[in-house]
PDB file of N, CA and C in Angstrom:
ATOM      1  N   MET A   1     -30.268 -12.671 -22.583  1.00  0.00           N
ATOM      2  CA  MET A   1     -29.769 -13.720 -21.916  1.00  0.00           C
ATOM      3  C   MET A   1     -29.655 -13.729 -20.486  1.00  0.00           C
ATOM      4  N   ASN A   2     -30.166 -14.507 -19.728  1.00  0.00           N
ATOM      5  CA  ASN A   2     -30.272 -14.409 -18.112  1.00  0.00           C
ATOM      6  C   ASN A   2     -28.905 -14.538 -17.481  1.00  0.00           C
ATOM      7  N   ASN A   3     -27.980 -15.100 -17.821  1.00  0.00           N
ATOM      8  CA  ASN A   3     -26.472 -15.146 -17.304  1.00  0.00           C
ATOM      9  C   ASN A   3     -25.610 -15.008 -18.171  1.00  0.00           C
ATOM     10  N   PRO A   4     -24.975 -13.751 -18.211  1.00  0.00           N
ATOM     11  CA  PRO A   4     -24.193 -13.263 -19.384  1.00  0.00           C
ATOM     12  C   PRO A   4     -22.758 -14.225 -19.000  1.00  0.00           C
ATOM     13  N   TRP A   5     -22.567 -14.669 -17.854  1.00  0.00           N
ATOM     14  CA  TRP A   5     -21.356 -15.434 -17.751  1.00  0.00           C
ATOM     15  C   TRP A   5     -21.294 -16.729 -17.991  1.00  0.00           C
ATOM     16  N   ALA A   6     -22.560 -17.321 -18.024  1.00  0.00           N
ATOM     17  CA  ALA A   6     -22.487 -18.620 -18.534  1.00  0.00           C
ATOM     18  C   ALA A   6     -22.253 -18.936 -19.913  1.00  0.00           C
ATOM     19  N   LEU A   7     -22.294 -18.306 -20.547  1.00  0.00           N
ATOM     20  CA  LEU A   7     -21.992 -18.489 -22.088  1.00  0.00           C
ATOM     21  C   LEU A   7     -20.443 -18.192 -22.197  1.00  0.00           C
ATOM     22  N   ASP A   8     -19.846 -17.269 -21.400  1.00  0.00           N
ATOM     23  CA  ASP A   8     -18.277 -16.847 -21.485  1.00  0.00           C
ATOM     24  C   ASP A   8     -17.629 -18.498 -20.876  1.00  0.00           C
ATOM     25  N   ASP A   9     -18.324 -19.076 -19.767  1.00  0.00           N
ATOM     26  CA  ASP A   9     -17.727 -19.980 -19.338  1.00  0.00           C
ATOM     27  C   ASP A   9     -17.925 -21.197 -20.060  1.00  0.00           C
ATOM     28  N   LEU A  10     -19.042 -21.609 -20.776  1.00  0.00           N
ATOM     29  CA  LEU A  10     -19.021 -22.445 -21.732  1.00  0.00           C
ATOM     30  C   LEU A  10     -17.894 -22.810 -22.814  1.00  0.00           C
ATOM     31  N   LEU A  11     -17.901 -21.305 -23.532  1.00  0.00           N
ATOM     32  CA  LEU A  11     -16.913 -21.173 -24.330  1.00  0.00           C
ATOM     33  C   LEU A  11     -15.630 -21.438 -23.834  1.00  0.00           C
ATOM     34  N   ALA A  12     -15.061 -20.882 -22.778  1.00  0.00           N
ATOM     35  CA  ALA A  12     -13.851 -21.179 -22.256  1.00  0.00           C
ATOM     36  C   ALA A  12     -13.639 -22.636 -21.967  1.00  0.00           C
ATOM     37  N   ASP A  13     -14.685 -23.246 -21.374  1.00  0.00           N
ATOM     38  CA  ASP A  13     -14.401 -24.650 -21.291  1.00  0.00           C
ATOM     39  C   ASP A  13     -14.259 -25.684 -22.624  1.00  0.00           C
ATOM     40  N   LEU A  14     -15.040 -25.282 -23.754  1.00  0.00           N
ATOM     41  CA  LEU A  14     -14.888 -25.949 -24.783  1.00  0.00           C
ATOM     42  C   LEU A  14     -13.837 -25.551 -25.399  1.00  0.00           C
ATOM     43  N   TYR A  15     -13.132 -24.340 -25.709  1.00  0.00           N
ATOM     44  CA  TYR A  15     -11.804 -23.732 -25.837  1.00  0.00           C
ATOM     45  C   TYR A  15     -10.720 -24.776 -25.431  1.00  0.00           C
ATOM     46  N   HIS A  16     -10.805 -24.859 -23.881  1.00  0.00           N
ATOM     47  CA  HIS A  16      -9.997 -25.497 -23.316  1.00  0.00           C
ATOM     48  C   HIS A  16      -9.628 -27.060 -23.782  1.00  0.00           C
ATOM     49  N   ALA A  17     -10.847 -27.569 -23.698  1.00  0.00           N
ATOM     50  CA  ALA A  17     -11.006 -28.994 -24.193  1.00  0.00           C
ATOM     51  C   ALA A  17     -10.400 -29.099 -25.536  1.00  0.00           C
ATOM     52  N   ARG A  18     -10.840 -28.263 -26.418  1.00  0.00           N
ATOM     53  CA  ARG A  18     -10.662 -28.607 -27.986  1.00  0.00           C
ATOM     54  C   ARG A  18      -9.092 -28.228 -27.991  1.00  0.00           C
ATOM     55  N   LYS A  19      -8.342 -27.267 -27.361  1.00  0.00           N
ATOM     56  CA  LYS A  19      -7.047 -27.132 -27.602  1.00  0.00           C
ATOM     57  C   LYS A  19      -6.241 -28.107 -27.263  1.00  0.00           C
ATOM     58  N   HIS A  20      -6.621 -29.048 -26.021  1.00  0.00           N
ATOM     59  CA  HIS A  20      -6.032 -30.122 -25.345  1.00  0.00           C
ATOM     60  C   HIS A  20      -6.431 -31.436 -26.211  1.00  0.00           C
ATOM     61  N   GLY A  21      -7.419 -31.170 -27.203  1.00  0.00           N
ATOM     62  CA  GLY A  21      -7.681 -32.444 -27.776  1.00  0.00           C
ATOM     63  C   GLY A  21      -8.774 -33.503 -26.895  1.00  0.00           C
ATOM     64  N   ASP A  22      -9.220 -32.814 -25.616  1.00  0.00           N
ATOM     65  CA  ASP A  22      -9.865 -33.900 -25.020  1.00  0.00           C
ATOM     66  C   ASP A  22     -11.472 -34.124 -25.390  1.00  0.00           C
ATOM     67  N   LEU A  23     -11.523 -35.222 -25.905  1.00  0.00           N
ATOM     68  CA  LEU A  23     -12.755 -35.490 -26.598  1.00  0.00           C
ATOM     69  C   LEU A  23     -14.000 -35.621 -25.628  1.00  0.00           C
ATOM     70  N   GLY A  24     -13.492 -36.514 -24.558  1.00  0.00           N
ATOM     71  CA  GLY A  24     -14.455 -36.843 -23.779  1.00  0.00           C
ATOM     72  C   GLY A  24     -14.948 -35.670 -22.881  1.00  0.00           C
ATOM     73  N   ARG A  25     -14.125 -34.507 -22.694  1.00  0.00           N
ATOM     74  CA  ARG A  25     -14.639 -33.255 -22.105  1.00  0.00           C
ATOM     75  C   ARG A  25     -15.577 -32.687 -23.072  1.00  0.00           C
ATOM     76  N   MET A  26     -15.139 -32.493 -24.190  1.00  0.00           N
ATOM     77  CA  MET A  26     -15.786 -31.856 -25.336  1.00  0.00           C
ATOM     78  C   MET A  26     -17.261 -32.210 -25.546  1.00  0.00           C
ATOM     79  N   ALA A  27     -17.268 -33.578 -25.485  1.00  0.00           N
ATOM     80  CA  ALA A  27     -18.815 -34.294 -25.286  1.00  0.00           C
ATOM     81  C   ALA A  27     -19.555 -34.055 -24.180  1.00  0.00           C
ATOM     82  N   PHE A  28     -18.842 -34.110 -22.914  1.00  0.00           N
ATOM     83  CA  PHE A  28     -19.657 -33.679 -21.777  1.00  0.00           C
ATOM     84  C   PHE A  28     -20.077 -32.342 -21.709  1.00  0.00           C
ATOM     85  N   VAL A  29     -19.226 -31.424 -22.130  1.00  0.00           N
ATOM     86  CA  VAL A  29     -19.756 -30.119 -21.931  1.00  0.00           C
ATOM     87  C   VAL A  29     -20.989 -29.811 -23.002  1.00  0.00           C
ATOM     88  N   ALA A  30     -20.759 -30.140 -24.324  1.00  0.00           N
ATOM     89  CA  ALA A  30     -21.527 -30.105 -25.137  1.00  0.00           C
ATOM     90  C   ALA A  30     -22.953 -30.729 -24.700  1.00  0.00           C
ATOM     91  N   TYR A  31     -23.086 -31.964 -24.169  1.00  0.00           N
ATOM     92  CA  TYR A  31     -24.309 -32.542 -23.882  1.00  0.00           C
ATOM     93  C   TYR A  31     -24.876 -32.219 -22.578  1.00  0.00           C
ATOM     94  N   CYS A  32     -24.051 -31.938 -21.595  1.00  0.00           N
ATOM     95  CA  CYS A  32     -24.573 -31.640 -20.112  1.00  0.00           C
ATOM     96  C   CYS A  32     -24.743 -30.159 -20.157  1.00  0.00           C
ATOM     97  N   ASP A  33     -23.848 -29.235 -20.494  1.00  0.00           N
ATOM     98  CA  ASP A  33     -23.728 -27.897 -20.065  1.00  0.00           C
ATOM     99  C   ASP A  33     -24.251 -27.114 -21.278  1.00  0.00           C
ATOM    100  N   VAL A  34     -23.882 -27.132 -22.565  1.00  0.00           N
ATOM    101  CA  VAL A  34     -24.317 -26.231 -23.288  1.00  0.00           C
ATOM    102  C   VAL A  34     -25.941 -26.637 -23.793  1.00  0.00           C
ATOM    103  N   ARG A  35     -26.202 -28.025 -23.727  1.00  0.00           N
ATOM    104  CA  ARG A  35     -27.746 -28.366 -23.934  1.00  0.00           C
ATOM    105  C   ARG A  35     -28.632 -27.590 -22.885  1.00  0.00           C
ATOM    106  N   ARG A  36     -28.139 -27.886 -21.553  1.00  0.00           N
ATOM    107  CA  ARG A  36     -29.035 -27.391 -20.528  1.00  0.00           C
ATOM    108  C   ARG A  36     -29.032 -25.634 -20.898  1.00  0.00           C
ATOM    109  N   TRP A  37     -27.983 -25.053 -20.931  1.00  0.00           N
ATOM    110  CA  TRP A  37     -27.881 -23.809 -21.093  1.00  0.00           C
ATOM    111  C   TRP A  37     -28.849 -23.384 -22.263  1.00  0.00           C
ATOM    112  N   ALA A  38     -28.753 -23.904 -23.571  1.00  0.00           N
ATOM    113  CA  ALA A  38     -29.424 -23.534 -24.335  1.00  0.00           C
ATOM    114  C   ALA A  38     -30.923 -23.641 -24.320  1.00  0.00           C
ATOM    115  N   ARG A  39     -31.443 -24.768 -23.619  1.00  0.00           N
ATOM    116  CA  ARG A  39     -32.776 -25.045 -23.261  1.00  0.00           C
ATOM    117  C   ARG A  39     -33.194 -23.891 -22.217  1.00  0.00           C
ATOM    118  N   ASP A  40     -32.425 -23.511 -21.177  1.00  0.00           N
ATOM    119  CA  ASP A  40     -32.816 -22.267 -20.255  1.00  0.00           C
ATOM    120  C   ASP A  40     -32.970 -21.379 -21.095  1.00  0.00           C
ATOM    121  N   GLU A  41     -32.197 -21.023 -22.114  1.00  0.00           N
ATOM    122  CA  GLU A  41     -32.256 -19.543 -22.916  1.00  0.00           C
ATOM    123  C   GLU A  41     -33.448 -19.512 -24.056  1.00  0.00           C
ATOM    124  N   GLY A  42     -34.036 -20.775 -24.011  1.00  0.00           N
ATOM    125  CA  GLY A  42     -35.011 -21.102 -25.163  1.00  0.00           C
ATOM    126  C   GLY A  42     -34.441 -21.270 -26.542  1.00  0.00           C
ATOM    127  N   ARG A  43     -33.246 -21.868 -26.671  1.00  0.00           N
ATOM    128  CA  ARG A  43     -32.647 -21.850 -28.036  1.00  0.00           C
ATOM    129  C   ARG A  43     -32.640 -23.445 -28.170  1.00  0.00           C
ATOM    130  N   ASN A  44     -33.987 -23.777 -28.492  1.00  0.00           N
ATOM    131  CA  ASN A  44     -34.025 -25.287 -28.670  1.00  0.00           C
ATOM    132  C   ASN A  44     -33.269 -26.070 -29.660  1.00  0.00           C
ATOM    133  N   VAL A  45     -33.173 -25.337 -30.914  1.00  0.00           N
ATOM    134  CA  VAL A  45     -32.411 -25.808 -31.693  1.00  0.00           C
ATOM    135  C   VAL A  45     -30.874 -26.064 -31.622  1.00  0.00           C
ATOM    136  N   LEU A  46     -30.335 -25.379 -30.762  1.00  0.00           N
ATOM    137  CA  LEU A  46     -29.117 -25.284 -30.467  1.00  0.00           C
ATOM    138  C   LEU A  46     -28.769 -26.334 -29.337  1.00  0.00           C
ATOM    139  N   ALA A  47     -29.815 -26.675 -28.586  1.00  0.00           N
ATOM    140  CA  ALA A  47     -29.944 -27.558 -27.679  1.00  0.00           C
ATOM    141  C   ALA A  47     -30.079 -28.945 -28.097  1.00  0.00           C
ATOM    142  N   ASP A  48     -30.759 -29.200 -29.360  1.00  0.00           N
ATOM    143  CA  ASP A  48     -30.998 -30.283 -29.987  1.00  0.00           C
ATOM    144  C   ASP A  48     -29.546 -30.700 -30.580  1.00  0.00           C
ATOM    145  N   GLN A  49     -28.867 -29.568 -31.231  1.00  0.00           N
ATOM    146  CA  GLN A  49     -27.506 -29.846 -31.641  1.00  0.00           C
ATOM    147  C   GLN A  49     -26.597 -30.646 -30.890  1.00  0.00           C
ATOM    148  N   ALA A  50     -26.385 -29.818 -29.655  1.00  0.00           N
ATOM    149  CA  ALA A  50     -25.672 -30.279 -28.554  1.00  0.00           C
ATOM    150  C   ALA A  50     -25.884 -31.591 -28.102  1.00  0.00           C
ATOM    151  N   ALA A  51     -27.057 -32.031 -28.103  1.00  0.00           N
ATOM    152  CA  ALA A  51     -27.415 -33.227 -27.564  1.00  0.00           C
ATOM    153  C   ALA A  51     -27.327 -34.559 -28.714  1.00  0.00           C
ATOM    154  N   GLY A  52     -27.433 -33.935 -30.269  1.00  0.00           N
ATOM    155  CA  GLY A  52     -26.991 -34.935 -31.117  1.00  0.00           C
ATOM    156  C   GLY A  52     -25.496 -35.179 -31.466  1.00  0.00           C
ATOM    157  N   LEU A  53     -24.509 -34.314 -30.730  1.00  0.00           N
ATOM    158  CA  LEU A  53     -23.257 -34.946 -30.725  1.00  0.00           C
ATOM    159  C   LEU A  53     -22.996 -36.023 -30.158  1.00  0.00           C
ATOM    160  N   ILE A  54     -23.745 -36.347 -29.312  1.00  0.00           N
ATOM    161  CA  ILE A  54     -23.823 -37.719 -28.368  1.00  0.00           C
ATOM    162  C   ILE A  54     -24.622 -38.657 -28.702  1.00  0.00           C
ATOM    163  N   THR A  55     -25.985 -38.276 -28.886  1.00  0.00           N
ATOM    164  CA  THR A  55     -27.121 -39.062 -29.341  1.00  0.00           C
ATOM    165  C   THR A  55     -27.077 -39.681 -30.698  1.00  0.00           C
ATOM    166  N   GLN A  56     -26.418 -38.915 -31.695  1.00  0.00           N
ATOM    167  CA  GLN A  56     -26.517 -39.277 -33.042  1.00  0.00           C
ATOM    168  C   GLN A  56     -24.947 -39.741 -33.350  1.00  0.00           C
ATOM    169  N   SER A  57     -24.453 -40.963 -32.421  1.00  0.00           N
ATOM    170  CA  SER A  57     -23.272 -41.387 -32.734  1.00  0.00           C
ATOM    171  C   SER A  57     -23.309 -42.968 -33.062  1.00  0.00           C
ATOM    172  N   PRO A  58     -22.261 -43.363 -33.371  1.00  0.00           N
ATOM    173  CA  PRO A  58     -20.986 -42.992 -33.470  1.00  0.00           C
ATOM    174  C   PRO A  58     -20.723 -42.298 -34.551  1.00  0.00           C
ATOM    175  N   HIS A  59     -19.538 -41.461 -34.631  1.00  0.00           N
ATOM    176  CA  HIS A  59     -19.173 -40.417 -35.694  1.00  0.00           C
ATOM    177  C   HIS A  59     -18.418 -41.453 -36.692  1.00  0.00           C
ATOM    178  N   GLN A  60     -18.457 -40.475 -37.811  1.00  0.00           N
ATOM    179  CA  GLN A  60     -17.489 -41.199 -38.803  1.00  0.00           C
ATOM    180  C   GLN A  60     -16.135 -41.268 -38.454  1.00  0.00           C
ATOM    181  N   SER A  61     -15.637 -40.189 -38.014  1.00  0.00           N
ATOM    182  CA  SER A  61     -13.917 -40.143 -37.569  1.00  0.00           C
ATOM    183  C   SER A  61     -14.128 -38.987 -36.400  1.00  0.00           C
ATOM    184  N   ARG A  62     -12.829 -39.012 -35.912  1.00  0.00           N
ATOM    185  CA  ARG A  62     -12.672 -38.015 -34.684  1.00  0.00           C
ATOM    186  C   ARG A  62     -12.740 -36.627 -35.377  1.00  0.00           C
ATOM    187  N   ASP A  63     -12.159 -36.477 -36.745  1.00  0.00           N
ATOM    188  CA  ASP A  63     -12.421 -35.178 -37.261  1.00  0.00           C
ATOM    189  C   ASP A  63     -13.756 -34.722 -37.790  1.00  0.00           C
ATOM    190  N   ALA A  64     -14.577 -35.797 -37.910  1.00  0.00           N
ATOM    191  CA  ALA A  64     -15.932 -35.024 -38.153  1.00  0.00           C
ATOM    192  C   ALA A  64     -16.877 -34.864 -37.031  1.00  0.00           C
ATOM    193  N   PHE A  65     -16.396 -35.518 -35.778  1.00  0.00           N
ATOM    194  CA  PHE A  65     -16.795 -34.984 -34.310  1.00  0.00           C
ATOM    195  C   PHE A  65     -16.175 -33.713 -34.014  1.00  0.00           C
ATOM    196  N   LEU A  66     -14.757 -33.396 -34.326  1.00  0.00           N
ATOM    197  CA  LEU A  66     -14.402 -32.144 -34.153  1.00  0.00           C
ATOM    198  C   LEU A  66     -14.886 -30.997 -35.156  1.00  0.00           C
ATOM    199  N   ASP A  67     -15.352 -31.470 -36.010  1.00  0.00           N
ATOM    200  CA  ASP A  67     -15.958 -30.323 -37.138  1.00  0.00           C
ATOM    201  C   ASP A  67     -17.108 -30.009 -36.479  1.00  0.00           C
ATOM    202  N   GLN A  68     -18.044 -30.811 -35.925  1.00  0.00           N
ATOM    203  CA  GLN A  68     -19.191 -30.664 -35.255  1.00  0.00           C
ATOM    204  C   GLN A  68     -19.118 -29.779 -33.837  1.00  0.00           C
ATOM    205  N   ILE A  69     -18.304 -30.081 -33.231  1.00  0.00           N
ATOM    206  CA  ILE A  69     -17.832 -29.253 -32.227  1.00  0.00           C
ATOM    207  C   ILE A  69     -17.347 -27.896 -32.471  1.00  0.00           C
ATOM    208  N   ASP A  70     -16.534 -27.563 -33.646  1.00  0.00           N
ATOM    209  CA  ASP A  70     -16.201 -26.293 -34.162  1.00  0.00           C
ATOM    210  C   ASP A  70     -17.295 -25.621 -34.477  1.00  0.00           C
ATOM    211  N   ALA A  71     -18.282 -26.154 -35.329  1.00  0.00           N
ATOM    212  CA  ALA A  71     -19.729 -25.592 -35.417  1.00  0.00           C
ATOM    213  C   ALA A  71     -20.317 -25.044 -34.443  1.00  0.00           C
ATOM    214  N   LEU A  72     -20.391 -25.754 -33.081  1.00  0.00           N
ATOM    215  CA  LEU A  72     -21.086 -25.688 -32.066  1.00  0.00           C
ATOM    216  C   LEU A  72     -20.588 -24.250 -31.317  1.00  0.00           C
ATOM    217  N   ILE A  73     -19.035 -24.325 -31.346  1.00  0.00           N
ATOM    218  CA  ILE A  73     -18.166 -23.194 -30.819  1.00  0.00           C
ATOM    219  C   ILE A  73     -18.653 -21.858 -31.657  1.00  0.00           C
ATOM    220  N   GLY A  74     -18.547 -22.075 -33.087  1.00  0.00           N
ATOM    221  CA  GLY A  74     -19.066 -21.103 -33.872  1.00  0.00           C
ATOM    222  C   GLY A  74     -20.450 -20.488 -33.554  1.00  0.00           C
ATOM    223  N   GLN A  75     -21.416 -21.313 -33.409  1.00  0.00           N
ATOM    224  CA  GLN A  75     -22.731 -20.745 -32.989  1.00  0.00           C
ATOM    225  C   GLN A  75     -22.910 -20.176 -31.658  1.00  0.00           C
ATOM    226  N   LEU A  76     -21.981 -20.466 -30.701  1.00  0.00           N
ATOM    227  CA  LEU A  76     -22.102 -19.933 -29.384  1.00  0.00           C
ATOM    228  C   LEU A  76     -21.215 -18.483 -29.656  1.00  0.00           C
ATOM    229  N   GLU A  77     -20.033 -18.514 -30.285  1.00  0.00           N
ATOM    230  CA  GLU A  77     -19.348 -17.385 -30.423  1.00  0.00           C
ATOM    231  C   GLU A  77     -20.429 -16.248 -31.097  1.00  0.00           C
ATOM    232  N   THR A  78     -21.260 -16.713 -32.080  1.00  0.00           N
ATOM    233  CA  THR A  78     -22.152 -15.780 -32.874  1.00  0.00           C
ATOM    234  C   THR A  78     -23.077 -15.256 -31.675  1.00  0.00           C
ATOM    235  N   LEU A  79     -23.515 -15.991 -30.887  1.00  0.00           N
ATOM    236  CA  LEU A  79     -24.273 -15.387 -29.474  1.00  0.00           C
ATOM    237  C   LEU A  79     -23.602 -14.588 -28.623  1.00  0.00           C
ATOM    238  N   GLN A  80     -22.276 -14.887 -28.447  1.00  0.00           N
ATOM    239  CA  GLN A  80     -21.584 -13.858 -27.569  1.00  0.00           C
ATOM    240  C   GLN A  80     -21.157 -12.672 -28.073  1.00  0.00           C
ATOM    241  N   ARG A  81     -21.149 -12.718 -29.416  1.00  0.00           N
ATOM    242  CA  ARG A  81     -20.853 -11.675 -30.229  1.00  0.00           C
ATOM    243  C   ARG A  81     -22.033 -10.536 -30.228  1.00  0.00           C
ATOM    244  N   ALA A  82     -23.257 -11.227 -30.433  1.00  0.00           N
ATOM    245  CA  ALA A  82     -24.681 -10.367 -30.326  1.00  0.00           C
ATOM    246  C   ALA A  82     -24.591  -9.765 -28.780  1.00  0.00           C
ATOM    247  N   LYS A  83     -24.244 -10.601 -27.848  1.00  0.00           N
ATOM    248  CA  LYS A  83     -24.402 -10.170 -26.527  1.00  0.00           C
ATOM    249  C   LYS A  83     -23.393  -8.909 -26.358  1.00  0.00           C
ATOM    250  N   ALA A  84     -22.301  -8.868 -27.057  1.00  0.00           N
ATOM    251  CA  ALA A  84     -21.055  -7.927 -26.857  1.00  0.00           C
ATOM    252  C   ALA A  84     -21.726  -6.693 -27.559  1.00  0.00           C
ATOM    253  N   GLU A  85     -22.469  -6.911 -28.631  1.00  0.00           N
ATOM    254  CA  GLU A  85     -23.021  -5.762 -29.226  1.00  0.00           C
ATOM    255  C   GLU A  85     -23.975  -4.978 -28.523  1.00  0.00           C
ATOM    256  N   ASP A  86     -24.901  -5.840 -27.894  1.00  0.00           N
ATOM    257  CA  ASP A  86     -26.031  -5.345 -27.039  1.00  0.00           C
ATOM    258  C   ASP A  86     -25.623  -4.473 -25.788  1.00  0.00           C
ATOM    259  N   ASN A  87     -24.428  -4.880 -25.466  1.00  0.00           N
ATOM    260  CA  ASN A  87     -23.569  -4.236 -24.173  1.00  0.00           C
ATOM    261  C   ASN A  87     -22.285  -3.861 -24.436  1.00  0.00           C
ATOM    262  N   PRO A  88     -22.132  -2.706 -25.000  1.00  0.00           N
ATOM    263  CA  PRO A  88     -20.613  -2.232 -25.376  1.00  0.00           C
ATOM    264  C   PRO A  88     -19.831  -2.275 -24.173  1.00  0.00           C
ATOM    265  N   ALA A  89     -20.084  -2.259 -23.100  1.00  0.00           N
ATOM    266  CA  ALA A  89     -19.170  -2.051 -21.584  1.00  0.00           C
ATOM    267  C   ALA A  89     -18.607  -3.634 -21.587  1.00  0.00           C
ATOM    268  N   VAL A  90     -19.020  -4.599 -22.153  1.00  0.00           N
ATOM    269  CA  VAL A  90     -18.616  -5.912 -21.984  1.00  0.00           C
ATOM    270  C   VAL A  90     -17.397  -6.101 -22.833  1.00  0.00           C
ATOM    271  N   ALA A  91     -16.373  -6.653 -22.326  1.00  0.00           N
ATOM    272  CA  ALA A  91     -15.104  -6.688 -23.289  1.00  0.00           C
ATOM    273  C   ALA A  91     -15.438  -7.645 -24.266  1.00  0.00           C
ATOM    274  N   GLN A  92     -14.640  -7.289 -25.226  1.00  0.00           N
ATOM    275  CA  GLN A  92     -14.836  -8.251 -26.689  1.00  0.00           C
ATOM    276  C   GLN A  92     -14.261  -9.639 -26.456  1.00  0.00           C
ATOM    277  N   PRO A  93     -14.969 -10.643 -26.783  1.00  0.00           N
ATOM    278  CA  PRO A  93     -14.389 -11.758 -26.634  1.00  0.00           C
ATOM    279  C   PRO A  93     -13.439 -12.195 -27.488  1.00  0.00           C
ATOM    280  N   ALA A  94     -12.660 -13.271 -27.247  1.00  0.00           N
ATOM    281  CA  ALA A  94     -11.610 -13.713 -27.852  1.00  0.00           C
ATOM    282  C   ALA A  94     -12.211 -15.031 -28.677  1.00  0.00           C
ATOM    283  N   LEU A  95     -12.238 -15.055 -30.040  1.00  0.00           N
ATOM    284  CA  LEU A  95     -12.927 -15.895 -30.583  1.00  0.00           C
ATOM    285  C   LEU A  95     -11.865 -16.924 -31.228  1.00  0.00           C
ATOM    286  N   TRP A  96     -12.535 -18.295 -31.085  1.00  0.00           N
ATOM    287  CA  TRP A  96     -12.032 -19.500 -31.377  1.00  0.00           C
ATOM    288  C   TRP A  96     -11.315 -19.378 -32.855  1.00  0.00           C
ATOM    289  N   SER A  97     -12.317 -19.043 -33.803  1.00  0.00           N
ATOM    290  CA  SER A  97     -12.059 -18.881 -35.143  1.00  0.00           C
ATOM    291  C   SER A  97     -11.093 -17.779 -35.789  1.00  0.00           C
ATOM    292  N   MET A  98     -10.922 -16.937 -34.710  1.00  0.00           N
ATOM    293  CA  MET A  98      -9.939 -15.747 -35.233  1.00  0.00           C
ATOM    294  C   MET A  98      -8.680 -15.951 -34.255  1.00  0.00           C
ATOM    295  N   ASN A  99      -8.374 -17.022 -33.429  1.00  0.00           N
ATOM    296  CA  ASN A  99      -7.187 -16.859 -32.715  1.00  0.00           C
ATOM    297  C   ASN A  99      -6.382 -18.159 -32.775  1.00  0.00           C
ATOM    298  N   PRO A 100      -5.420 -18.250 -33.556  1.00  0.00           N
ATOM    299  CA  PRO A 100      -4.483 -19.220 -33.760  1.00  0.00           C
ATOM    300  C   PRO A 100      -3.967 -19.893 -32.736  1.00  0.00           C
ATOM    301  N   SER A 101      -3.882 -19.290 -31.430  1.00  0.00           N
ATOM    302  CA  SER A 101      -3.419 -19.838 -30.444  1.00  0.00           C
ATOM    303  C   SER A 101      -4.340 -20.968 -29.696  1.00  0.00           C
ATOM    304  N   PHE A 102      -5.662 -21.197 -30.172  1.00  0.00           N
ATOM    305  CA  PHE A 102      -6.653 -22.163 -29.868  1.00  0.00           C
ATOM    306  C   PHE A 102      -6.511 -23.158 -30.822  1.00  0.00           C
ATOM    307  N   SER A 103      -5.964 -23.260 -31.963  1.00  0.00           N
ATOM    308  CA  SER A 103      -5.788 -24.285 -32.603  1.00  0.00           C
ATOM    309  C   SER A 103      -5.201 -25.479 -31.983  1.00  0.00           C
ATOM    310  N   ALA A 104      -5.592 -26.820 -32.355  1.00  0.00           N
ATOM    311  CA  ALA A 104      -5.357 -28.050 -31.776  1.00  0.00           C
ATOM    312  C   ALA A 104      -3.796 -28.306 -32.477  1.00  0.00           C
TER     313      ALA A 104
END
């Protein structure tokens, strides 16, 4: 990964928006920031998934959209864990799925 901080920043932004239920911010970060980062990193499937959150709408419900955001967060966390395993000097990330303080 070219910029190790970018992934951490994306996740922090998504965590904050998810915790506060800010659907607009989640959509913006997914479409603009995650999609761009994923394309820069050559992760086209992830970029398409992030873009699909906006382009494949309307969603069936708020919960369906949040489920897709949670799946996107999970994929980014997987990449973050892989980065941490490759570089043990990097602090272990705080993961959404393992941290009840992040739940909405």
